[in-house]
mmCIF file of all heavy atoms, coordinates in Angstrom:
data_MODEL
# 
_entry.id   MODEL 
# 
loop_
_atom_site.group_PDB 
_atom_site.id 
_atom_site.type_symbol 
_atom_site.label_atom_id 
_atom_site.label_alt_id 
_atom_site.label_comp_id 
_atom_site.label_asym_id 
_atom_site.label_entity_id 
_atom_site.label_seq_id 
_atom_site.pdbx_PDB_ins_code 
_atom_site.Cartn_x 
_atom_site.Cartn_y 
_atom_site.Cartn_z 
_atom_site.occupancy 
_atom_site.B_iso_or_equiv 
_atom_site.pdbx_formal_charge 
_atom_site.auth_seq_id 
_atom_site.auth_comp_id 
_atom_site.auth_asym_id 
_atom_site.auth_atom_id 
_atom_site.pdbx_PDB_model_num 
ATOM 1   N N   . SER A 1 1  ? 10.819 -8.591  81.403  1.00 0.00 ? 1  SER A N   1 
ATOM 2   C CA  . SER A 1 1  ? 9.864  -9.505  82.006  1.00 0.00 ? 1  SER A CA  1 
ATOM 3   C C   . SER A 1 1  ? 9.380  -10.566 80.988  1.00 0.00 ? 1  SER A C   1 
ATOM 4   O O   . SER A 1 1  ? 9.453  -10.330 79.807  1.00 0.00 ? 1  SER A O   1 
ATOM 5   C CB  . SER A 1 1  ? 8.645  -8.750  82.484  1.00 0.00 ? 1  SER A CB  1 
ATOM 6   O OG  . SER A 1 1  ? 7.576  -9.598  82.989  1.00 0.00 ? 1  SER A OG  1 
ATOM 7   N N   . ALA A 1 2  ? 8.963  -11.694 81.534  1.00 0.00 ? 2  ALA A N   1 
ATOM 8   C CA  . ALA A 1 2  ? 8.473  -12.748 80.646  1.00 0.00 ? 2  ALA A CA  1 
ATOM 9   C C   . ALA A 1 2  ? 7.090  -12.430 80.126  1.00 0.00 ? 2  ALA A C   1 
ATOM 10  O O   . ALA A 1 2  ? 6.628  -13.081 79.190  1.00 0.00 ? 2  ALA A O   1 
ATOM 11  C CB  . ALA A 1 2  ? 8.429  -14.105 81.414  1.00 0.00 ? 2  ALA A CB  1 
ATOM 12  N N   . GLY A 1 3  ? 6.433  -11.475 80.712  1.00 0.00 ? 3  GLY A N   1 
ATOM 13  C CA  . GLY A 1 3  ? 5.096  -11.056 80.205  1.00 0.00 ? 3  GLY A CA  1 
ATOM 14  C C   . GLY A 1 3  ? 3.945  -11.527 81.072  1.00 0.00 ? 3  GLY A C   1 
ATOM 15  O O   . GLY A 1 3  ? 4.063  -12.446 81.861  1.00 0.00 ? 3  GLY A O   1 
ATOM 16  N N   . LEU A 1 4  ? 2.856  -10.789 80.947  1.00 0.00 ? 4  LEU A N   1 
ATOM 17  C CA  . LEU A 1 4  ? 1.682  -11.081 81.764  1.00 0.00 ? 4  LEU A CA  1 
ATOM 18  C C   . LEU A 1 4  ? 1.034  -12.411 81.432  1.00 0.00 ? 4  LEU A C   1 
ATOM 19  O O   . LEU A 1 4  ? 0.571  -13.147 82.328  1.00 0.00 ? 4  LEU A O   1 
ATOM 20  C CB  . LEU A 1 4  ? 0.641  -9.953  81.597  1.00 0.00 ? 4  LEU A CB  1 
ATOM 21  C CG  . LEU A 1 4  ? -0.639 -10.030 82.440  1.00 0.00 ? 4  LEU A CG  1 
ATOM 22  C CD1 . LEU A 1 4  ? -0.269 -10.008 83.921  1.00 0.00 ? 4  LEU A CD1 1 
ATOM 23  C CD2 . LEU A 1 4  ? -1.584 -8.935  82.110  1.00 0.00 ? 4  LEU A CD2 1 
ATOM 24  N N   . VAL A 1 5  ? 1.054  -12.793 80.132  1.00 0.00 ? 5  VAL A N   1 
ATOM 25  C CA  . VAL A 1 5  ? 0.426  -14.060 79.771  1.00 0.00 ? 5  VAL A CA  1 
ATOM 26  C C   . VAL A 1 5  ? 1.176  -15.227 80.375  1.00 0.00 ? 5  VAL A C   1 
ATOM 27  O O   . VAL A 1 5  ? 0.546  -16.175 80.999  1.00 0.00 ? 5  VAL A O   1 
ATOM 28  C CB  . VAL A 1 5  ? 0.412  -14.206 78.235  1.00 0.00 ? 5  VAL A CB  1 
ATOM 29  C CG1 . VAL A 1 5  ? -0.095 -15.548 77.854  1.00 0.00 ? 5  VAL A CG1 1 
ATOM 30  C CG2 . VAL A 1 5  ? -0.472 -13.116 77.597  1.00 0.00 ? 5  VAL A CG2 1 
ATOM 31  N N   . ALA A 1 6  ? 2.532  -15.205 80.321  1.00 0.00 ? 6  ALA A N   1 
ATOM 32  C CA  . ALA A 1 6  ? 3.318  -16.259 80.962  1.00 0.00 ? 6  ALA A CA  1 
ATOM 33  C C   . ALA A 1 6  ? 3.117  -16.268 82.462  1.00 0.00 ? 6  ALA A C   1 
ATOM 34  O O   . ALA A 1 6  ? 3.019  -17.281 83.087  1.00 0.00 ? 6  ALA A O   1 
ATOM 35  C CB  . ALA A 1 6  ? 4.767  -16.059 80.605  1.00 0.00 ? 6  ALA A CB  1 
ATOM 36  N N   . GLY A 1 7  ? 2.955  -15.015 83.049  1.00 0.00 ? 7  GLY A N   1 
ATOM 37  C CA  . GLY A 1 7  ? 2.775  -14.971 84.483  1.00 0.00 ? 7  GLY A CA  1 
ATOM 38  C C   . GLY A 1 7  ? 1.442  -15.593 84.930  1.00 0.00 ? 7  GLY A C   1 
ATOM 39  O O   . GLY A 1 7  ? 1.384  -16.346 85.904  1.00 0.00 ? 7  GLY A O   1 
ATOM 40  N N   . ILE A 1 8  ? 0.380  -15.314 84.165  1.00 0.00 ? 8  ILE A N   1 
ATOM 41  C CA  . ILE A 1 8  ? -0.937 -15.923 84.488  1.00 0.00 ? 8  ILE A CA  1 
ATOM 42  C C   . ILE A 1 8  ? -0.866 -17.431 84.323  1.00 0.00 ? 8  ILE A C   1 
ATOM 43  O O   . ILE A 1 8  ? -1.381 -18.202 85.148  1.00 0.00 ? 8  ILE A O   1 
ATOM 44  C CB  . ILE A 1 8  ? -2.037 -15.324 83.634  1.00 0.00 ? 8  ILE A CB  1 
ATOM 45  C CG1 . ILE A 1 8  ? -2.191 -13.855 83.932  1.00 0.00 ? 8  ILE A CG1 1 
ATOM 46  C CG2 . ILE A 1 8  ? -3.331 -16.076 83.795  1.00 0.00 ? 8  ILE A CG2 1 
ATOM 47  C CD1 . ILE A 1 8  ? -3.173 -13.098 83.053  1.00 0.00 ? 8  ILE A CD1 1 
ATOM 48  N N   . ALA A 1 9  ? -0.201 -17.922 83.249  1.00 0.00 ? 9  ALA A N   1 
ATOM 49  C CA  . ALA A 1 9  ? -0.164 -19.343 82.996  1.00 0.00 ? 9  ALA A CA  1 
ATOM 50  C C   . ALA A 1 9  ? 0.600  -20.073 84.133  1.00 0.00 ? 9  ALA A C   1 
ATOM 51  O O   . ALA A 1 9  ? 0.171  -21.061 84.667  1.00 0.00 ? 9  ALA A O   1 
ATOM 52  C CB  . ALA A 1 9  ? 0.544  -19.608 81.659  1.00 0.00 ? 9  ALA A CB  1 
ATOM 53  N N   . PHE A 1 10 ? 1.770  -19.536 84.559  1.00 0.00 ? 10 PHE A N   1 
ATOM 54  C CA  . PHE A 1 10 ? 2.577  -20.175 85.615  1.00 0.00 ? 10 PHE A CA  1 
ATOM 55  C C   . PHE A 1 10 ? 1.846  -20.020 86.977  1.00 0.00 ? 10 PHE A C   1 
ATOM 56  O O   . PHE A 1 10 ? 1.991  -20.922 87.808  1.00 0.00 ? 10 PHE A O   1 
ATOM 57  C CB  . PHE A 1 10 ? 3.937  -19.643 85.663  1.00 0.00 ? 10 PHE A CB  1 
ATOM 58  C CG  . PHE A 1 10 ? 4.853  -20.155 84.610  1.00 0.00 ? 10 PHE A CG  1 
ATOM 59  C CD1 . PHE A 1 10 ? 5.528  -19.312 83.670  1.00 0.00 ? 10 PHE A CD1 1 
ATOM 60  C CD2 . PHE A 1 10 ? 5.064  -21.528 84.446  1.00 0.00 ? 10 PHE A CD2 1 
ATOM 61  C CE1 . PHE A 1 10 ? 6.340  -19.793 82.723  1.00 0.00 ? 10 PHE A CE1 1 
ATOM 62  C CE2 . PHE A 1 10 ? 5.862  -22.025 83.474  1.00 0.00 ? 10 PHE A CE2 1 
ATOM 63  C CZ  . PHE A 1 10 ? 6.532  -21.172 82.609  1.00 0.00 ? 10 PHE A CZ  1 
ATOM 64  N N   . THR A 1 11 ? 1.084  -18.981 87.139  1.00 0.00 ? 11 THR A N   1 
ATOM 65  C CA  . THR A 1 11 ? 0.322  -18.776 88.415  1.00 0.00 ? 11 THR A CA  1 
ATOM 66  C C   . THR A 1 11 ? -0.694 -19.907 88.525  1.00 0.00 ? 11 THR A C   1 
ATOM 67  O O   . THR A 1 11 ? -0.827 -20.564 89.590  1.00 0.00 ? 11 THR A O   1 
ATOM 68  C CB  . THR A 1 11 ? -0.342 -17.437 88.393  1.00 0.00 ? 11 THR A CB  1 
ATOM 69  O OG1 . THR A 1 11 ? 0.635  -16.414 88.363  1.00 0.00 ? 11 THR A OG1 1 
ATOM 70  C CG2 . THR A 1 11 ? -1.199 -17.302 89.673  1.00 0.00 ? 11 THR A CG2 1 
ATOM 71  N N   . VAL A 1 12 ? -1.421 -20.195 87.439  1.00 0.00 ? 12 VAL A N   1 
ATOM 72  C CA  . VAL A 1 12 ? -2.407 -21.275 87.438  1.00 0.00 ? 12 VAL A CA  1 
ATOM 73  C C   . VAL A 1 12 ? -1.766 -22.641 87.677  1.00 0.00 ? 12 VAL A C   1 
ATOM 74  O O   . VAL A 1 12 ? -2.217 -23.412 88.495  1.00 0.00 ? 12 VAL A O   1 
ATOM 75  C CB  . VAL A 1 12 ? -3.244 -21.300 86.127  1.00 0.00 ? 12 VAL A CB  1 
ATOM 76  C CG1 . VAL A 1 12 ? -4.167 -22.444 86.084  1.00 0.00 ? 12 VAL A CG1 1 
ATOM 77  C CG2 . VAL A 1 12 ? -4.040 -19.958 86.005  1.00 0.00 ? 12 VAL A CG2 1 
ATOM 78  N N   . ILE A 1 13 ? -0.624 -22.868 86.983  1.00 0.00 ? 13 ILE A N   1 
ATOM 79  C CA  . ILE A 1 13 ? 0.088  -24.140 87.116  1.00 0.00 ? 13 ILE A CA  1 
ATOM 80  C C   . ILE A 1 13 ? 0.493  -24.331 88.567  1.00 0.00 ? 13 ILE A C   1 
ATOM 81  O O   . ILE A 1 13 ? 0.230  -25.406 89.161  1.00 0.00 ? 13 ILE A O   1 
ATOM 82  C CB  . ILE A 1 13 ? 1.241  -24.168 86.186  1.00 0.00 ? 13 ILE A CB  1 
ATOM 83  C CG1 . ILE A 1 13 ? 0.786  -24.183 84.690  1.00 0.00 ? 13 ILE A CG1 1 
ATOM 84  C CG2 . ILE A 1 13 ? 2.144  -25.384 86.476  1.00 0.00 ? 13 ILE A CG2 1 
ATOM 85  C CD1 . ILE A 1 13 ? 1.896  -24.001 83.697  1.00 0.00 ? 13 ILE A CD1 1 
ATOM 86  N N   . TRP A 1 14 ? 1.147  -23.354 89.135  1.00 0.00 ? 14 TRP A N   1 
ATOM 87  C CA  . TRP A 1 14 ? 1.696  -23.525 90.507  1.00 0.00 ? 14 TRP A CA  1 
ATOM 88  C C   . TRP A 1 14 ? 0.558  -23.439 91.559  1.00 0.00 ? 14 TRP A C   1 
ATOM 89  O O   . TRP A 1 14 ? 0.697  -24.010 92.621  1.00 0.00 ? 14 TRP A O   1 
ATOM 90  C CB  . TRP A 1 14 ? 2.799  -22.549 90.758  1.00 0.00 ? 14 TRP A CB  1 
ATOM 91  C CG  . TRP A 1 14 ? 4.054  -22.969 90.178  1.00 0.00 ? 14 TRP A CG  1 
ATOM 92  C CD1 . TRP A 1 14 ? 4.684  -22.541 89.031  1.00 0.00 ? 14 TRP A CD1 1 
ATOM 93  C CD2 . TRP A 1 14 ? 4.914  -23.963 90.710  1.00 0.00 ? 14 TRP A CD2 1 
ATOM 94  N NE1 . TRP A 1 14 ? 5.847  -23.227 88.796  1.00 0.00 ? 14 TRP A NE1 1 
ATOM 95  C CE2 . TRP A 1 14 ? 6.031  -24.102 89.844  1.00 0.00 ? 14 TRP A CE2 1 
ATOM 96  C CE3 . TRP A 1 14 ? 4.895  -24.809 91.858  1.00 0.00 ? 14 TRP A CE3 1 
ATOM 97  C CZ2 . TRP A 1 14 ? 7.041  -25.027 90.051  1.00 0.00 ? 14 TRP A CZ2 1 
ATOM 98  C CZ3 . TRP A 1 14 ? 5.934  -25.684 92.060  1.00 0.00 ? 14 TRP A CZ3 1 
ATOM 99  C CH2 . TRP A 1 14 ? 6.989  -25.777 91.181  1.00 0.00 ? 14 TRP A CH2 1 
ATOM 100 N N   . PHE A 1 15 ? -0.479 -22.763 91.261  1.00 0.00 ? 15 PHE A N   1 
ATOM 101 C CA  . PHE A 1 15 ? -1.674 -22.791 92.218  1.00 0.00 ? 15 PHE A CA  1 
ATOM 102 C C   . PHE A 1 15 ? -2.226 -24.172 92.302  1.00 0.00 ? 15 PHE A C   1 
ATOM 103 O O   . PHE A 1 15 ? -2.476 -24.700 93.399  1.00 0.00 ? 15 PHE A O   1 
ATOM 104 C CB  . PHE A 1 15 ? -2.734 -21.815 91.679  1.00 0.00 ? 15 PHE A CB  1 
ATOM 105 C CG  . PHE A 1 15 ? -3.967 -21.803 92.489  1.00 0.00 ? 15 PHE A CG  1 
ATOM 106 C CD1 . PHE A 1 15 ? -4.117 -21.011 93.626  1.00 0.00 ? 15 PHE A CD1 1 
ATOM 107 C CD2 . PHE A 1 15 ? -5.112 -22.628 92.200  1.00 0.00 ? 15 PHE A CD2 1 
ATOM 108 C CE1 . PHE A 1 15 ? -5.266 -21.013 94.383  1.00 0.00 ? 15 PHE A CE1 1 
ATOM 109 C CE2 . PHE A 1 15 ? -6.227 -22.687 92.931  1.00 0.00 ? 15 PHE A CE2 1 
ATOM 110 C CZ  . PHE A 1 15 ? -6.355 -21.820 94.049  1.00 0.00 ? 15 PHE A CZ  1 
ATOM 111 N N   . VAL A 1 16 ? -2.420 -24.848 91.131  1.00 0.00 ? 16 VAL A N   1 
ATOM 112 C CA  . VAL A 1 16 ? -2.932 -26.229 91.155  1.00 0.00 ? 16 VAL A CA  1 
ATOM 113 C C   . VAL A 1 16 ? -1.946 -27.144 91.840  1.00 0.00 ? 16 VAL A C   1 
ATOM 114 O O   . VAL A 1 16 ? -2.291 -28.013 92.652  1.00 0.00 ? 16 VAL A O   1 
ATOM 115 C CB  . VAL A 1 16 ? -3.280 -26.642 89.712  1.00 0.00 ? 16 VAL A CB  1 
ATOM 116 C CG1 . VAL A 1 16 ? -3.653 -28.098 89.689  1.00 0.00 ? 16 VAL A CG1 1 
ATOM 117 C CG2 . VAL A 1 16 ? -4.333 -25.833 89.169  1.00 0.00 ? 16 VAL A CG2 1 
ATOM 118 N N   . THR A 1 17 ? -0.663 -26.981 91.467  1.00 0.00 ? 17 THR A N   1 
ATOM 119 C CA  . THR A 1 17 ? 0.355  -27.843 92.027  1.00 0.00 ? 17 THR A CA  1 
ATOM 120 C C   . THR A 1 17 ? 0.473  -27.694 93.598  1.00 0.00 ? 17 THR A C   1 
ATOM 121 O O   . THR A 1 17 ? 0.479  -28.706 94.351  1.00 0.00 ? 17 THR A O   1 
ATOM 122 C CB  . THR A 1 17 ? 1.769  -27.576 91.467  1.00 0.00 ? 17 THR A CB  1 
ATOM 123 O OG1 . THR A 1 17 ? 1.678  -27.678 90.047  1.00 0.00 ? 17 THR A OG1 1 
ATOM 124 C CG2 . THR A 1 17 ? 2.823  -28.467 91.987  1.00 0.00 ? 17 THR A CG2 1 
ATOM 125 N N   . GLY A 1 18 ? 0.470  -26.449 94.047  1.00 0.00 ? 18 GLY A N   1 
ATOM 126 C CA  . GLY A 1 18 ? 0.541  -26.224 95.487  1.00 0.00 ? 18 GLY A CA  1 
ATOM 127 C C   . GLY A 1 18 ? -0.690 -26.762 96.214  1.00 0.00 ? 18 GLY A C   1 
ATOM 128 O O   . GLY A 1 18 ? -0.598 -27.338 97.285  1.00 0.00 ? 18 GLY A O   1 
ATOM 129 N N   . GLY A 1 19 ? -1.884 -26.572 95.618  1.00 0.00 ? 19 GLY A N   1 
ATOM 130 C CA  . GLY A 1 19 ? -3.088 -27.088 96.256  1.00 0.00 ? 19 GLY A CA  1 
ATOM 131 C C   . GLY A 1 19 ? -3.123 -28.584 96.339  1.00 0.00 ? 19 GLY A C   1 
ATOM 132 O O   . GLY A 1 19 ? -3.530 -29.181 97.325  1.00 0.00 ? 19 GLY A O   1 
ATOM 133 N N   . LEU A 1 20 ? -2.656 -29.260 95.234  1.00 0.00 ? 20 LEU A N   1 
ATOM 134 C CA  . LEU A 1 20 ? -2.657 -30.764 95.296  1.00 0.00 ? 20 LEU A CA  1 
ATOM 135 C C   . LEU A 1 20 ? -1.647 -31.282 96.310  1.00 0.00 ? 20 LEU A C   1 
ATOM 136 O O   . LEU A 1 20 ? -1.934 -32.250 97.004  1.00 0.00 ? 20 LEU A O   1 
ATOM 137 C CB  . LEU A 1 20 ? -2.331 -31.264 93.888  1.00 0.00 ? 20 LEU A CB  1 
ATOM 138 C CG  . LEU A 1 20 ? -3.405 -31.092 92.800  1.00 0.00 ? 20 LEU A CG  1 
ATOM 139 C CD1 . LEU A 1 20 ? -2.904 -31.571 91.473  1.00 0.00 ? 20 LEU A CD1 1 
ATOM 140 C CD2 . LEU A 1 20 ? -4.673 -31.866 93.192  1.00 0.00 ? 20 LEU A CD2 1 
ATOM 141 N N   . VAL A 1 21 ? -0.456 -30.676 96.323  1.00 0.00 ? 21 VAL A N   1 
ATOM 142 C CA  . VAL A 1 21 ? 0.540  -31.186 97.320  1.00 0.00 ? 21 VAL A CA  1 
ATOM 143 C C   . VAL A 1 21 ? 0.047  -30.936 98.744  1.00 0.00 ? 21 VAL A C   1 
ATOM 144 O O   . VAL A 1 21 ? 0.192  -31.780 99.622  1.00 0.00 ? 21 VAL A O   1 
ATOM 145 C CB  . VAL A 1 21 ? 1.879  -30.453 97.050  1.00 0.00 ? 21 VAL A CB  1 
ATOM 146 C CG1 . VAL A 1 21 ? 2.839  -30.786 98.171  1.00 0.00 ? 21 VAL A CG1 1 
ATOM 147 C CG2 . VAL A 1 21 ? 2.451  -30.873 95.724  1.00 0.00 ? 21 VAL A CG2 1 
ATOM 148 N N   . ALA A 1 22 ? -0.541 -29.769 98.996  1.00 0.00 ? 22 ALA A N   1 
ATOM 149 C CA  . ALA A 1 22 ? -0.995 -29.452 100.338 1.00 0.00 ? 22 ALA A CA  1 
ATOM 150 C C   . ALA A 1 22 ? -2.162 -30.324 100.797 1.00 0.00 ? 22 ALA A C   1 
ATOM 151 O O   . ALA A 1 22 ? -2.228 -30.785 101.949 1.00 0.00 ? 22 ALA A O   1 
ATOM 152 C CB  . ALA A 1 22 ? -1.409 -27.957 100.440 1.00 0.00 ? 22 ALA A CB  1 
ATOM 153 N N   . SER A 1 23 ? -3.093 -30.645 99.866  1.00 0.00 ? 23 SER A N   1 
ATOM 154 C CA  . SER A 1 23 ? -4.290 -31.386 100.260 1.00 0.00 ? 23 SER A CA  1 
ATOM 155 C C   . SER A 1 23 ? -3.995 -32.891 100.256 1.00 0.00 ? 23 SER A C   1 
ATOM 156 O O   . SER A 1 23 ? -4.422 -33.623 101.141 1.00 0.00 ? 23 SER A O   1 
ATOM 157 C CB  . SER A 1 23 ? -5.427 -31.048 99.328  1.00 0.00 ? 23 SER A CB  1 
ATOM 158 O OG  . SER A 1 23 ? -5.074 -31.374 98.003  1.00 0.00 ? 23 SER A OG  1 
ATOM 159 N N   . GLN A 1 24 ? -3.306 -33.403 99.229  1.00 0.00 ? 24 GLN A N   1 
ATOM 160 C CA  . GLN A 1 24 ? -3.148 -34.831 99.094  1.00 0.00 ? 24 GLN A CA  1 
ATOM 161 C C   . GLN A 1 24 ? -1.936 -35.402 99.784  1.00 0.00 ? 24 GLN A C   1 
ATOM 162 O O   . GLN A 1 24 ? -1.942 -36.507 100.295 1.00 0.00 ? 24 GLN A O   1 
ATOM 163 C CB  . GLN A 1 24 ? -3.056 -35.161 97.604  1.00 0.00 ? 24 GLN A CB  1 
ATOM 164 C CG  . GLN A 1 24 ? -4.303 -34.731 96.792  1.00 0.00 ? 24 GLN A CG  1 
ATOM 165 C CD  . GLN A 1 24 ? -5.567 -35.359 97.349  1.00 0.00 ? 24 GLN A CD  1 
ATOM 166 O OE1 . GLN A 1 24 ? -5.672 -36.554 97.633  1.00 0.00 ? 24 GLN A OE1 1 
ATOM 167 N NE2 . GLN A 1 24 ? -6.617 -34.552 97.455  1.00 0.00 ? 24 GLN A NE2 1 
ATOM 168 N N   . THR A 1 25 ? -0.841 -34.611 99.803  1.00 0.00 ? 25 THR A N   1 
ATOM 169 C CA  . THR A 1 25 ? 0.398  -35.072 100.431 1.00 0.00 ? 25 THR A CA  1 
ATOM 170 C C   . THR A 1 25 ? 0.498  -34.656 101.865 1.00 0.00 ? 25 THR A C   1 
ATOM 171 O O   . THR A 1 25 ? 0.824  -35.472 102.778 1.00 0.00 ? 25 THR A O   1 
ATOM 172 C CB  . THR A 1 25 ? 1.622  -34.565 99.630  1.00 0.00 ? 25 THR A CB  1 
ATOM 173 O OG1 . THR A 1 25 ? 1.520  -34.991 98.312  1.00 0.00 ? 25 THR A OG1 1 
ATOM 174 C CG2 . THR A 1 25 ? 2.906  -35.147 100.235 1.00 0.00 ? 25 THR A CG2 1 
ATOM 175 N N   . LEU A 1 26 ? 0.268  -33.400 102.138 1.00 0.00 ? 26 LEU A N   1 
ATOM 176 C CA  . LEU A 1 26 ? 0.327  -32.863 103.527 1.00 0.00 ? 26 LEU A CA  1 
ATOM 177 C C   . LEU A 1 26 ? -0.933 -33.080 104.328 1.00 0.00 ? 26 LEU A C   1 
ATOM 178 O O   . LEU A 1 26 ? -0.898 -32.936 105.553 1.00 0.00 ? 26 LEU A O   1 
ATOM 179 C CB  . LEU A 1 26 ? 0.700  -31.354 103.528 1.00 0.00 ? 26 LEU A CB  1 
ATOM 180 C CG  . LEU A 1 26 ? 2.044  -31.023 102.776 1.00 0.00 ? 26 LEU A CG  1 
ATOM 181 C CD1 . LEU A 1 26 ? 2.289  -29.518 102.806 1.00 0.00 ? 26 LEU A CD1 1 
ATOM 182 C CD2 . LEU A 1 26 ? 3.192  -31.809 103.359 1.00 0.00 ? 26 LEU A CD2 1 
# 
């Protein structure tokens, strides 16, 4: 596994990305 720290970091990154795309683009 890439590790829990990497998992939390990418979760935050993609949470923000998904929220911005859903709210501003869609």
